[in-house]
């Protein structure tokens, strides 16, 4: 079962990807993890990616696809995998489809965790992080015992720049611009399933399990 997770930043697709991976015993693959592993292990692809990252440049699509294909060819992916954060654009999706077709494989499901922008802005701007130990909380969903004080180390809690409403909205605009076309792309391929990401985490997961039919 080869699954692609789609959804805006903060929609909860990473959480669902982990739960799917756990239930079906398949790896949860995020491009960030692939980059880190290849750079750490000093692979040829890792070295190439690092040269771009060190300059603050985006890693080219071709190289990202090579890294992903290399990862999905590993033994633990024999029964499938969940791709999280890739593809992000149509060229990446097309390159991935081509590479998989060359191996006699294809993507089985693209699952879109759908959450309206205003919900995401509200959800992310409620996050708080400890300046000392990095623990994260949420003022509504996971509050601390004492306001603005970390439960673990009593450090001060802050709203990170990344989680400020204006930053979140900018990221959402980029997402809609780049990734929205993917929804149409996978709809045309008849493998897209949209789930309502505004409900409880377990409800979202149950819906996904029904879609996967296993």
N, C-alpha and C. Protein backbone atom coordinates (compact mmCIF):
# COMPACT_ATOMS: atom_id res chain seq x y z
N UNK A 1 0.84 -1.19 0.00
CA UNK A 1 0.00 0.00 0.00
C UNK A 1 0.88 1.24 0.00
N UNK A 2 0.83 1.96 -1.12
CA UNK A 2 1.67 3.16 -1.25
C UNK A 2 0.77 4.39 -1.14
N UNK A 3 1.02 5.16 -0.08
CA UNK A 3 0.11 6.27 0.25
C UNK A 3 0.86 7.60 0.27
N UNK A 4 0.20 8.62 -0.28
CA UNK A 4 0.74 9.99 -0.22
C UNK A 4 -0.21 10.80 0.66
N UNK A 5 0.37 11.54 1.61
CA UNK A 5 -0.44 12.40 2.48
C UNK A 5 -0.37 13.83 1.98
N UNK A 6 -1.53 14.43 1.79
CA UNK A 6 -1.60 15.84 1.40
C UNK A 6 -2.34 16.60 2.50
N UNK A 7 -2.08 17.89 2.57
CA UNK A 7 -2.75 18.70 3.60
C UNK A 7 -1.87 19.89 3.91
N UNK A 8 -2.50 20.98 4.27
CA UNK A 8 -1.77 22.22 4.56
C UNK A 8 -0.92 22.06 5.81
N UNK A 9 0.10 22.95 5.99
CA UNK A 9 0.89 22.89 7.22
C UNK A 9 -0.05 23.09 8.42
N UNK A 10 0.03 22.21 9.39
CA UNK A 10 -0.83 22.34 10.57
C UNK A 10 -2.15 21.61 10.46
N UNK A 11 -2.38 20.91 9.31
CA UNK A 11 -3.65 20.20 9.13
C UNK A 11 -3.65 18.87 9.90
N UNK A 12 -2.45 18.42 10.29
CA UNK A 12 -2.37 17.17 11.06
C UNK A 12 -2.02 15.96 10.22
N UNK A 13 -1.51 16.19 8.99
CA UNK A 13 -1.22 15.04 8.13
C UNK A 13 -0.06 14.20 8.65
N UNK A 14 0.91 14.85 9.32
CA UNK A 14 2.05 14.11 9.88
C UNK A 14 1.60 13.15 10.97
N UNK A 15 0.69 13.62 11.81
CA UNK A 15 0.14 12.78 12.89
C UNK A 15 -0.57 11.57 12.29
N UNK A 16 -1.38 11.80 11.26
CA UNK A 16 -2.11 10.70 10.64
C UNK A 16 -1.17 9.74 9.92
N UNK A 17 -0.13 10.30 9.28
CA UNK A 17 0.85 9.45 8.58
C UNK A 17 1.52 8.48 9.57
N UNK A 18 1.88 8.99 10.76
CA UNK A 18 2.50 8.14 11.79
C UNK A 18 1.55 7.03 12.22
N UNK A 19 0.26 7.38 12.40
CA UNK A 19 -0.73 6.40 12.85
C UNK A 19 -0.95 5.31 11.78
N UNK A 20 -0.98 5.72 10.51
CA UNK A 20 -1.14 4.76 9.41
C UNK A 20 0.06 3.81 9.38
N UNK A 21 1.26 4.41 9.49
CA UNK A 21 2.49 3.60 9.45
C UNK A 21 2.48 2.55 10.56
N UNK A 22 2.05 2.98 11.74
CA UNK A 22 2.00 2.09 12.90
C UNK A 22 1.00 0.95 12.70
N UNK A 23 -0.19 1.32 12.24
CA UNK A 23 -1.25 0.31 12.08
C UNK A 23 -0.89 -0.74 11.03
N UNK A 24 -0.33 -0.29 9.91
CA UNK A 24 -0.09 -1.22 8.80
C UNK A 24 1.34 -1.76 8.74
N UNK A 25 2.17 -1.31 9.69
CA UNK A 25 3.55 -1.81 9.74
C UNK A 25 4.36 -1.43 8.51
N UNK A 26 4.12 -0.19 8.04
CA UNK A 26 4.89 0.31 6.89
C UNK A 26 5.61 1.59 7.31
N UNK A 27 6.73 1.94 6.66
CA UNK A 27 7.45 3.14 7.10
C UNK A 27 6.75 4.45 6.77
N UNK A 28 6.91 5.41 7.69
CA UNK A 28 6.44 6.78 7.50
C UNK A 28 7.64 7.54 6.98
N UNK A 29 7.56 8.03 5.76
CA UNK A 29 8.72 8.66 5.13
C UNK A 29 8.47 10.15 4.92
N UNK A 30 9.30 10.97 5.57
CA UNK A 30 9.21 12.42 5.30
C UNK A 30 10.51 12.83 4.63
N UNK A 31 10.40 13.79 3.71
CA UNK A 31 11.59 14.20 2.95
C UNK A 31 12.67 14.75 3.90
N UNK A 32 12.24 15.44 4.95
CA UNK A 32 13.21 15.97 5.92
C UNK A 32 14.06 14.86 6.51
N UNK A 33 13.41 13.75 6.88
CA UNK A 33 14.13 12.61 7.45
C UNK A 33 15.10 12.01 6.44
N UNK A 34 14.65 11.93 5.17
CA UNK A 34 15.52 11.36 4.12
C UNK A 34 16.77 12.22 3.96
N UNK A 35 16.57 13.54 3.88
CA UNK A 35 17.71 14.45 3.75
C UNK A 35 18.68 14.24 4.90
N UNK A 36 18.14 14.28 6.13
CA UNK A 36 19.01 14.17 7.32
C UNK A 36 19.79 12.85 7.32
N UNK A 37 19.10 11.74 6.99
CA UNK A 37 19.75 10.43 7.01
C UNK A 37 20.87 10.35 5.98
N UNK A 38 20.60 10.86 4.76
CA UNK A 38 21.61 10.80 3.70
C UNK A 38 22.80 11.70 4.00
N UNK A 39 22.53 12.87 4.58
CA UNK A 39 23.62 13.79 4.92
C UNK A 39 24.47 13.18 6.04
N UNK A 40 23.79 12.63 7.05
CA UNK A 40 24.48 12.03 8.18
C UNK A 40 25.35 10.86 7.75
N UNK A 41 24.81 10.05 6.80
CA UNK A 41 25.55 8.86 6.33
C UNK A 41 26.55 9.18 5.22
N UNK A 42 26.59 10.46 4.82
CA UNK A 42 27.57 10.89 3.81
C UNK A 42 27.40 10.22 2.45
N UNK A 43 26.15 9.90 2.07
CA UNK A 43 25.92 9.26 0.76
C UNK A 43 26.15 10.28 -0.35
N UNK A 44 26.31 9.78 -1.57
CA UNK A 44 26.52 10.68 -2.72
C UNK A 44 25.34 11.65 -2.86
N UNK A 45 24.12 11.10 -2.75
CA UNK A 45 22.92 11.95 -2.88
C UNK A 45 22.88 12.95 -1.73
N UNK A 46 23.28 12.51 -0.54
CA UNK A 46 23.31 13.39 0.64
C UNK A 46 24.26 14.55 0.44
N UNK A 47 25.44 14.24 -0.11
CA UNK A 47 26.44 15.29 -0.35
C UNK A 47 25.92 16.31 -1.35
N UNK A 48 25.26 15.79 -2.39
CA UNK A 48 24.70 16.71 -3.41
C UNK A 48 23.65 17.62 -2.77
N UNK A 49 22.75 17.02 -1.97
CA UNK A 49 21.68 17.80 -1.34
C UNK A 49 22.27 18.86 -0.41
N UNK A 50 23.32 18.48 0.30
CA UNK A 50 23.94 19.38 1.28
C UNK A 50 24.51 20.63 0.62
N UNK A 51 25.06 20.48 -0.59
CA UNK A 51 25.64 21.65 -1.26
C UNK A 51 24.57 22.72 -1.51
N UNK A 52 23.36 22.28 -1.82
CA UNK A 52 22.26 23.25 -2.03
C UNK A 52 21.79 23.81 -0.69
N UNK A 53 21.61 22.92 0.29
CA UNK A 53 21.08 23.35 1.59
C UNK A 53 22.03 24.33 2.29
N UNK A 54 23.33 24.09 2.16
CA UNK A 54 24.32 24.96 2.79
C UNK A 54 24.26 26.39 2.23
N UNK A 55 23.81 26.49 0.98
CA UNK A 55 23.70 27.83 0.36
C UNK A 55 22.32 28.43 0.59
N UNK A 56 21.48 27.68 1.33
CA UNK A 56 20.12 28.17 1.59
C UNK A 56 19.22 28.04 0.38
N UNK A 57 19.61 27.16 -0.56
CA UNK A 57 18.81 26.97 -1.78
C UNK A 57 17.91 25.75 -1.63
N UNK A 58 16.83 25.73 -2.41
CA UNK A 58 15.95 24.55 -2.43
C UNK A 58 16.65 23.43 -3.17
N UNK A 59 16.51 22.22 -2.68
CA UNK A 59 17.10 21.06 -3.37
C UNK A 59 16.27 20.84 -4.65
N UNK A 60 16.94 20.74 -5.83
CA UNK A 60 16.18 20.58 -7.08
C UNK A 60 15.29 19.33 -7.09
N UNK A 61 14.17 19.45 -7.80
CA UNK A 61 13.20 18.34 -7.88
C UNK A 61 13.85 17.01 -8.23
N UNK A 62 14.70 17.06 -9.24
CA UNK A 62 15.35 15.83 -9.74
C UNK A 62 16.06 15.08 -8.61
N UNK A 63 16.78 15.85 -7.79
CA UNK A 63 17.54 15.26 -6.69
C UNK A 63 16.62 14.76 -5.59
N UNK A 64 15.56 15.52 -5.31
CA UNK A 64 14.60 15.11 -4.28
C UNK A 64 13.96 13.78 -4.70
N UNK A 65 13.57 13.68 -5.97
CA UNK A 65 12.95 12.45 -6.46
C UNK A 65 13.93 11.28 -6.36
N UNK A 66 15.19 11.53 -6.72
CA UNK A 66 16.21 10.47 -6.59
C UNK A 66 16.31 9.98 -5.15
N UNK A 67 16.31 10.92 -4.21
CA UNK A 67 16.41 10.57 -2.78
C UNK A 67 15.20 9.75 -2.33
N UNK A 68 14.00 10.18 -2.78
CA UNK A 68 12.77 9.48 -2.39
C UNK A 68 12.75 8.07 -3.00
N UNK A 69 13.10 7.98 -4.29
CA UNK A 69 13.07 6.67 -4.96
C UNK A 69 14.09 5.72 -4.31
N UNK A 70 15.25 6.26 -3.97
CA UNK A 70 16.27 5.46 -3.28
C UNK A 70 15.70 4.93 -1.96
N UNK A 71 14.95 5.78 -1.25
CA UNK A 71 14.38 5.38 0.05
C UNK A 71 13.29 4.32 -0.11
N UNK A 72 12.39 4.50 -1.10
CA UNK A 72 11.29 3.54 -1.24
C UNK A 72 11.74 2.21 -1.83
N UNK A 73 12.98 2.18 -2.29
CA UNK A 73 13.54 0.92 -2.80
C UNK A 73 14.13 0.06 -1.69
N UNK A 74 14.18 0.61 -0.47
CA UNK A 74 14.79 -0.15 0.63
C UNK A 74 13.83 -1.23 1.12
N UNK A 75 14.44 -2.23 1.75
CA UNK A 75 13.72 -3.45 2.14
C UNK A 75 12.44 -3.21 2.95
N UNK A 76 12.51 -2.23 3.89
CA UNK A 76 11.36 -2.03 4.77
C UNK A 76 10.14 -1.46 4.04
N UNK A 77 10.32 -1.09 2.76
CA UNK A 77 9.20 -0.54 1.98
C UNK A 77 8.53 -1.59 1.10
N UNK A 78 8.93 -2.85 1.27
CA UNK A 78 8.41 -3.93 0.42
C UNK A 78 6.88 -4.00 0.45
N UNK A 79 6.26 -3.72 1.61
CA UNK A 79 4.80 -3.80 1.71
C UNK A 79 4.11 -2.45 1.57
N UNK A 80 4.90 -1.43 1.24
CA UNK A 80 4.33 -0.10 1.07
C UNK A 80 4.96 0.93 2.00
N UNK A 81 4.42 2.15 1.96
CA UNK A 81 4.97 3.26 2.76
C UNK A 81 3.97 4.41 2.73
N UNK A 82 4.19 5.35 3.65
CA UNK A 82 3.39 6.59 3.68
C UNK A 82 4.34 7.74 3.42
N UNK A 83 4.11 8.46 2.34
CA UNK A 83 4.95 9.62 2.00
C UNK A 83 4.31 10.88 2.56
N UNK A 84 5.08 11.62 3.35
CA UNK A 84 4.57 12.80 4.03
C UNK A 84 5.43 14.01 3.65
N UNK A 85 4.82 15.00 2.99
CA UNK A 85 5.59 16.20 2.61
C UNK A 85 6.19 16.10 1.22
N UNK A 86 5.82 15.08 0.50
CA UNK A 86 6.31 14.89 -0.88
C UNK A 86 5.28 14.04 -1.62
N UNK A 87 4.97 14.33 -2.88
CA UNK A 87 5.41 15.49 -3.66
C UNK A 87 4.68 16.77 -3.23
N UNK A 88 5.33 17.92 -3.52
CA UNK A 88 4.74 19.22 -3.20
C UNK A 88 4.26 19.95 -4.45
N UNK A 89 4.77 19.52 -5.60
CA UNK A 89 4.43 20.21 -6.85
C UNK A 89 4.11 19.18 -7.93
N UNK A 90 3.47 19.65 -9.01
CA UNK A 90 3.13 18.75 -10.12
C UNK A 90 4.39 18.11 -10.75
N UNK A 91 5.46 18.91 -11.03
CA UNK A 91 6.65 18.26 -11.60
C UNK A 91 7.18 17.13 -10.71
N UNK A 92 7.14 17.33 -9.38
CA UNK A 92 7.60 16.26 -8.47
C UNK A 92 6.69 15.05 -8.57
N UNK A 93 5.38 15.29 -8.64
CA UNK A 93 4.42 14.18 -8.73
C UNK A 93 4.62 13.40 -10.01
N UNK A 94 4.83 14.11 -11.11
CA UNK A 94 5.03 13.44 -12.40
C UNK A 94 6.32 12.63 -12.41
N UNK A 95 7.38 13.24 -11.83
CA UNK A 95 8.67 12.53 -11.78
C UNK A 95 8.57 11.29 -10.90
N UNK A 96 7.83 11.39 -9.80
CA UNK A 96 7.66 10.24 -8.91
C UNK A 96 6.88 9.14 -9.63
N UNK A 97 5.79 9.51 -10.30
CA UNK A 97 4.99 8.51 -11.03
C UNK A 97 5.82 7.79 -12.08
N UNK A 98 6.65 8.56 -12.78
CA UNK A 98 7.48 7.97 -13.83
C UNK A 98 8.49 6.99 -13.22
N UNK A 99 9.15 7.43 -12.14
CA UNK A 99 10.16 6.58 -11.49
C UNK A 99 9.52 5.29 -10.96
N UNK A 100 8.32 5.42 -10.37
CA UNK A 100 7.63 4.23 -9.84
C UNK A 100 7.20 3.31 -10.98
N UNK A 101 6.69 3.92 -12.07
CA UNK A 101 6.25 3.11 -13.23
C UNK A 101 7.42 2.31 -13.79
N UNK A 102 8.61 2.93 -13.81
CA UNK A 102 9.81 2.23 -14.28
C UNK A 102 10.12 0.99 -13.44
N UNK A 103 9.65 1.02 -12.16
CA UNK A 103 9.89 -0.13 -11.27
C UNK A 103 8.66 -1.03 -11.20
N UNK A 104 7.66 -0.71 -12.06
CA UNK A 104 6.44 -1.52 -12.06
C UNK A 104 5.56 -1.24 -10.86
N UNK A 105 5.66 -0.01 -10.31
CA UNK A 105 4.87 0.33 -9.12
C UNK A 105 4.03 1.58 -9.40
N UNK A 106 3.09 1.86 -8.47
CA UNK A 106 2.30 3.09 -8.58
C UNK A 106 1.79 3.49 -7.20
N UNK A 107 1.39 4.75 -7.09
CA UNK A 107 0.79 5.24 -5.84
C UNK A 107 -0.64 4.69 -5.77
N UNK A 108 -1.04 4.16 -4.60
CA UNK A 108 -2.39 3.60 -4.46
C UNK A 108 -3.41 4.63 -3.98
N UNK A 109 -3.00 5.47 -3.03
CA UNK A 109 -3.93 6.46 -2.46
C UNK A 109 -3.21 7.78 -2.22
N UNK A 110 -3.93 8.89 -2.49
CA UNK A 110 -3.47 10.21 -2.06
C UNK A 110 -4.56 10.71 -1.12
N UNK A 111 -4.20 10.91 0.15
CA UNK A 111 -5.19 11.30 1.15
C UNK A 111 -5.00 12.76 1.52
N UNK A 112 -6.05 13.55 1.31
CA UNK A 112 -5.98 14.98 1.60
C UNK A 112 -6.69 15.26 2.92
N UNK A 113 -5.89 15.66 3.93
CA UNK A 113 -6.47 16.03 5.23
C UNK A 113 -6.89 17.49 5.11
N UNK A 114 -8.19 17.69 4.97
CA UNK A 114 -8.72 19.00 4.60
C UNK A 114 -9.15 19.80 5.84
N UNK A 115 -8.50 20.95 6.03
CA UNK A 115 -8.85 21.83 7.16
C UNK A 115 -8.89 23.27 6.64
N UNK A 116 -9.97 24.02 6.90
CA UNK A 116 -10.03 25.42 6.43
C UNK A 116 -8.89 26.25 7.04
N UNK A 117 -8.43 27.24 6.26
CA UNK A 117 -7.31 28.09 6.70
C UNK A 117 -7.53 28.69 8.09
N UNK A 118 -8.77 29.20 8.33
CA UNK A 118 -8.98 29.89 9.62
C UNK A 118 -8.80 28.94 10.80
N UNK A 119 -9.16 27.66 10.61
CA UNK A 119 -8.96 26.67 11.68
C UNK A 119 -7.48 26.46 11.95
N UNK A 120 -6.70 26.40 10.85
CA UNK A 120 -5.26 26.17 10.99
C UNK A 120 -4.59 27.35 11.68
N UNK A 121 -4.96 28.56 11.28
CA UNK A 121 -4.38 29.76 11.89
C UNK A 121 -4.66 29.75 13.39
N UNK A 122 -5.91 29.42 13.75
CA UNK A 122 -6.30 29.38 15.16
C UNK A 122 -5.53 28.28 15.90
N UNK A 123 -5.44 27.11 15.24
CA UNK A 123 -4.77 25.95 15.85
C UNK A 123 -3.29 26.23 16.10
N UNK A 124 -2.62 26.80 15.07
CA UNK A 124 -1.17 27.01 15.19
C UNK A 124 -0.82 28.20 16.07
N UNK A 125 -1.67 29.23 16.06
CA UNK A 125 -1.34 30.40 16.89
C UNK A 125 -1.61 30.12 18.37
N UNK A 126 -2.21 28.96 18.66
CA UNK A 126 -2.40 28.56 20.05
C UNK A 126 -1.23 27.73 20.59
N UNK A 127 -0.27 27.42 19.72
CA UNK A 127 0.89 26.63 20.16
C UNK A 127 1.83 27.48 21.01
N UNK A 128 2.44 26.85 21.98
CA UNK A 128 3.46 27.53 22.80
C UNK A 128 4.65 26.59 22.97
N UNK A 129 5.85 27.16 22.94
CA UNK A 129 7.07 26.35 23.08
C UNK A 129 7.90 26.87 24.25
N UNK A 130 8.53 25.94 24.95
CA UNK A 130 9.38 26.31 26.08
C UNK A 130 10.73 26.80 25.56
N UNK A 131 11.17 27.96 26.03
CA UNK A 131 12.45 28.52 25.55
C UNK A 131 13.63 27.69 26.05
N UNK A 132 13.44 26.95 27.16
CA UNK A 132 14.57 26.20 27.73
C UNK A 132 14.67 24.76 27.20
N UNK A 133 13.54 23.99 27.30
CA UNK A 133 13.67 22.57 26.92
C UNK A 133 13.01 22.23 25.58
N UNK A 134 12.29 23.20 24.99
CA UNK A 134 11.70 22.98 23.67
C UNK A 134 10.37 22.24 23.68
N UNK A 135 9.86 21.88 24.87
CA UNK A 135 8.57 21.18 24.95
C UNK A 135 7.48 22.06 24.35
N UNK A 136 6.49 21.42 23.68
CA UNK A 136 5.43 22.22 23.06
C UNK A 136 4.07 21.93 23.70
N UNK A 137 3.27 22.96 23.74
CA UNK A 137 1.94 22.88 24.35
C UNK A 137 0.94 23.59 23.44
N UNK A 138 -0.32 23.56 23.83
CA UNK A 138 -1.34 24.32 23.11
C UNK A 138 -2.29 24.90 24.15
N UNK A 139 -2.59 26.20 24.00
CA UNK A 139 -3.39 26.86 25.05
C UNK A 139 -4.80 26.27 25.18
N UNK A 140 -5.29 25.62 24.10
CA UNK A 140 -6.63 25.00 24.17
C UNK A 140 -6.53 23.48 24.34
N UNK A 141 -5.73 22.83 23.45
CA UNK A 141 -5.73 21.36 23.39
C UNK A 141 -4.76 20.69 24.35
N UNK A 142 -3.68 21.38 24.70
CA UNK A 142 -2.70 20.77 25.61
C UNK A 142 -2.09 21.85 26.49
N UNK A 143 -2.92 22.45 27.37
CA UNK A 143 -2.42 23.57 28.18
C UNK A 143 -1.49 23.11 29.30
N UNK A 144 -0.68 24.04 29.78
CA UNK A 144 0.18 23.75 30.93
C UNK A 144 -0.63 23.93 32.21
N UNK A 145 -0.11 23.35 33.30
CA UNK A 145 -0.80 23.47 34.59
C UNK A 145 -0.85 24.95 35.02
N UNK A 146 0.31 25.63 34.82
CA UNK A 146 0.39 27.05 35.16
C UNK A 146 0.59 27.83 33.87
N UNK A 147 -0.17 28.91 33.69
CA UNK A 147 -0.11 29.66 32.43
C UNK A 147 1.29 30.15 32.11
N UNK A 148 1.71 29.88 30.86
CA UNK A 148 3.02 30.33 30.35
C UNK A 148 4.22 29.78 31.09
N UNK A 149 4.05 28.67 31.82
CA UNK A 149 5.18 28.03 32.52
C UNK A 149 5.23 26.56 32.10
N UNK A 150 6.41 26.12 31.64
CA UNK A 150 6.58 24.74 31.17
C UNK A 150 6.38 23.74 32.31
N UNK A 151 5.56 22.70 32.05
CA UNK A 151 5.32 21.66 33.06
C UNK A 151 6.60 20.88 33.38
N UNK A 152 7.47 20.74 32.35
CA UNK A 152 8.64 19.88 32.53
C UNK A 152 9.79 20.57 33.27
N UNK A 153 10.07 21.83 32.87
CA UNK A 153 11.28 22.45 33.45
C UNK A 153 11.02 23.84 34.03
N UNK A 154 9.74 24.25 34.06
CA UNK A 154 9.36 25.58 34.57
C UNK A 154 9.92 26.74 33.75
N UNK A 155 10.35 26.44 32.53
CA UNK A 155 10.85 27.51 31.65
C UNK A 155 9.70 28.36 31.13
N UNK A 156 10.06 29.48 30.49
CA UNK A 156 9.04 30.40 29.96
C UNK A 156 8.53 29.88 28.62
N UNK A 157 7.24 30.06 28.36
CA UNK A 157 6.66 29.63 27.08
C UNK A 157 6.50 30.82 26.15
N UNK A 158 6.76 30.58 24.85
CA UNK A 158 6.62 31.66 23.87
C UNK A 158 5.82 31.18 22.66
N UNK A 159 5.30 32.15 21.92
CA UNK A 159 4.67 31.86 20.62
C UNK A 159 5.79 32.02 19.60
N UNK A 160 6.15 30.91 18.93
CA UNK A 160 7.25 30.99 17.97
C UNK A 160 6.85 31.80 16.74
N UNK A 161 7.84 32.45 16.12
CA UNK A 161 7.57 33.24 14.91
C UNK A 161 6.81 32.43 13.87
N UNK A 162 7.20 31.16 13.72
CA UNK A 162 6.58 30.25 12.75
C UNK A 162 5.09 30.08 12.97
N UNK A 163 4.67 30.24 14.23
CA UNK A 163 3.26 29.99 14.58
C UNK A 163 2.43 31.26 14.66
N UNK A 164 3.05 32.41 14.40
CA UNK A 164 2.30 33.68 14.44
C UNK A 164 1.30 33.71 13.27
N UNK A 165 0.08 34.24 13.51
CA UNK A 165 -0.96 34.19 12.47
C UNK A 165 -0.51 34.66 11.08
N UNK A 166 0.24 35.77 11.03
CA UNK A 166 0.63 36.29 9.70
C UNK A 166 1.61 35.34 8.99
N UNK A 167 2.50 34.68 9.77
CA UNK A 167 3.46 33.72 9.17
C UNK A 167 2.71 32.49 8.70
N UNK A 168 1.78 32.02 9.52
CA UNK A 168 1.00 30.83 9.17
C UNK A 168 0.22 31.09 7.88
N UNK A 169 -0.39 32.27 7.78
CA UNK A 169 -1.18 32.59 6.58
C UNK A 169 -0.30 32.63 5.34
N UNK A 170 0.93 33.16 5.48
CA UNK A 170 1.87 33.19 4.34
C UNK A 170 2.18 31.77 3.87
N UNK A 171 2.44 30.89 4.86
CA UNK A 171 2.76 29.49 4.52
C UNK A 171 1.57 28.81 3.85
N UNK A 172 0.38 29.15 4.31
CA UNK A 172 -0.83 28.56 3.72
C UNK A 172 -1.01 29.05 2.28
N UNK A 173 -0.70 30.33 2.04
CA UNK A 173 -0.82 30.86 0.68
C UNK A 173 0.12 30.12 -0.28
N UNK A 174 1.36 29.89 0.19
CA UNK A 174 2.35 29.15 -0.63
C UNK A 174 1.83 27.73 -0.88
N UNK A 175 1.28 27.11 0.17
CA UNK A 175 0.75 25.75 0.03
C UNK A 175 -0.34 25.69 -1.04
N UNK A 176 -1.29 26.62 -0.96
CA UNK A 176 -2.41 26.59 -1.91
C UNK A 176 -1.92 26.79 -3.34
N UNK A 177 -0.95 27.68 -3.48
CA UNK A 177 -0.39 27.99 -4.80
C UNK A 177 0.31 26.77 -5.40
N UNK A 178 1.16 26.11 -4.58
CA UNK A 178 2.00 25.03 -5.09
C UNK A 178 1.29 23.67 -5.07
N UNK A 179 0.59 23.40 -3.98
CA UNK A 179 0.13 22.04 -3.75
C UNK A 179 -1.31 21.80 -4.15
N UNK A 180 -2.11 22.87 -4.20
CA UNK A 180 -3.51 22.70 -4.61
C UNK A 180 -3.62 21.96 -5.95
N UNK A 181 -2.76 22.31 -6.95
CA UNK A 181 -2.86 21.60 -8.23
C UNK A 181 -2.68 20.07 -8.09
N UNK A 182 -1.97 19.64 -7.04
CA UNK A 182 -1.79 18.20 -6.81
C UNK A 182 -3.12 17.52 -6.52
N UNK A 183 -4.02 18.25 -5.86
CA UNK A 183 -5.33 17.68 -5.52
C UNK A 183 -6.07 17.35 -6.81
N UNK A 184 -5.98 18.28 -7.78
CA UNK A 184 -6.61 18.04 -9.09
C UNK A 184 -5.91 16.88 -9.81
N UNK A 185 -4.59 16.87 -9.71
CA UNK A 185 -3.78 15.84 -10.38
C UNK A 185 -4.18 14.43 -9.91
N UNK A 186 -4.27 14.26 -8.57
CA UNK A 186 -4.61 12.92 -8.05
C UNK A 186 -6.10 12.62 -8.17
N UNK A 187 -6.93 13.67 -8.25
CA UNK A 187 -8.37 13.45 -8.49
C UNK A 187 -8.54 12.85 -9.88
N UNK A 188 -7.80 13.41 -10.85
CA UNK A 188 -7.88 12.90 -12.23
C UNK A 188 -7.43 11.45 -12.31
N UNK A 189 -6.46 11.10 -11.46
CA UNK A 189 -5.96 9.72 -11.46
C UNK A 189 -6.88 8.78 -10.67
N UNK A 190 -7.93 9.38 -10.10
CA UNK A 190 -8.94 8.63 -9.33
C UNK A 190 -8.37 7.92 -8.10
N UNK A 191 -7.35 8.54 -7.47
CA UNK A 191 -6.81 7.93 -6.24
C UNK A 191 -6.90 8.90 -5.06
N UNK A 192 -7.52 10.07 -5.27
CA UNK A 192 -7.60 11.05 -4.18
C UNK A 192 -8.79 10.77 -3.26
N UNK A 193 -8.54 10.85 -1.96
CA UNK A 193 -9.62 10.76 -0.97
C UNK A 193 -9.47 11.93 -0.03
N UNK A 194 -10.56 12.68 0.16
CA UNK A 194 -10.52 13.85 1.04
C UNK A 194 -11.13 13.49 2.38
N UNK A 195 -10.44 13.82 3.48
CA UNK A 195 -11.02 13.58 4.80
C UNK A 195 -11.12 14.90 5.56
N UNK A 196 -12.14 15.00 6.39
CA UNK A 196 -12.38 16.22 7.16
C UNK A 196 -11.41 16.24 8.35
N UNK A 197 -10.42 17.13 8.27
CA UNK A 197 -9.39 17.18 9.31
C UNK A 197 -9.77 18.03 10.51
N UNK A 198 -11.02 18.56 10.53
CA UNK A 198 -11.40 19.41 11.65
C UNK A 198 -11.95 18.58 12.82
N UNK A 199 -12.20 17.29 12.57
CA UNK A 199 -12.74 16.45 13.65
C UNK A 199 -11.61 15.91 14.53
N UNK A 200 -11.96 15.14 15.54
CA UNK A 200 -11.00 14.57 16.47
C UNK A 200 -9.99 13.68 15.73
N UNK A 201 -8.75 13.65 16.22
CA UNK A 201 -7.67 12.87 15.59
C UNK A 201 -8.10 11.42 15.32
N UNK A 202 -8.75 10.79 16.30
CA UNK A 202 -9.16 9.39 16.15
C UNK A 202 -10.25 9.23 15.10
N UNK A 203 -11.14 10.21 15.02
CA UNK A 203 -12.23 10.16 14.02
C UNK A 203 -11.62 10.27 12.61
N UNK A 204 -10.65 11.19 12.46
CA UNK A 204 -9.96 11.35 11.17
C UNK A 204 -9.30 10.02 10.80
N UNK A 205 -8.62 9.41 11.78
CA UNK A 205 -7.90 8.15 11.53
C UNK A 205 -8.87 7.03 11.12
N UNK A 206 -10.00 6.92 11.82
CA UNK A 206 -10.99 5.89 11.48
C UNK A 206 -11.50 6.05 10.05
N UNK A 207 -11.69 7.32 9.65
CA UNK A 207 -12.14 7.60 8.28
C UNK A 207 -11.10 7.12 7.27
N UNK A 208 -9.82 7.40 7.58
CA UNK A 208 -8.73 6.99 6.67
C UNK A 208 -8.68 5.46 6.57
N UNK A 209 -8.81 4.79 7.71
CA UNK A 209 -8.76 3.32 7.73
C UNK A 209 -9.87 2.74 6.84
N UNK A 210 -11.06 3.36 6.91
CA UNK A 210 -12.18 2.90 6.06
C UNK A 210 -11.84 3.09 4.57
N UNK A 211 -11.21 4.21 4.26
CA UNK A 211 -10.82 4.49 2.86
C UNK A 211 -9.84 3.43 2.38
N UNK A 212 -8.87 3.11 3.24
CA UNK A 212 -7.84 2.12 2.85
C UNK A 212 -8.43 0.71 2.81
N UNK A 213 -9.59 0.56 3.44
CA UNK A 213 -10.33 -0.71 3.35
C UNK A 213 -9.60 -1.90 3.90
N UNK A 214 -8.86 -1.67 4.98
CA UNK A 214 -8.13 -2.82 5.55
C UNK A 214 -8.10 -2.68 7.06
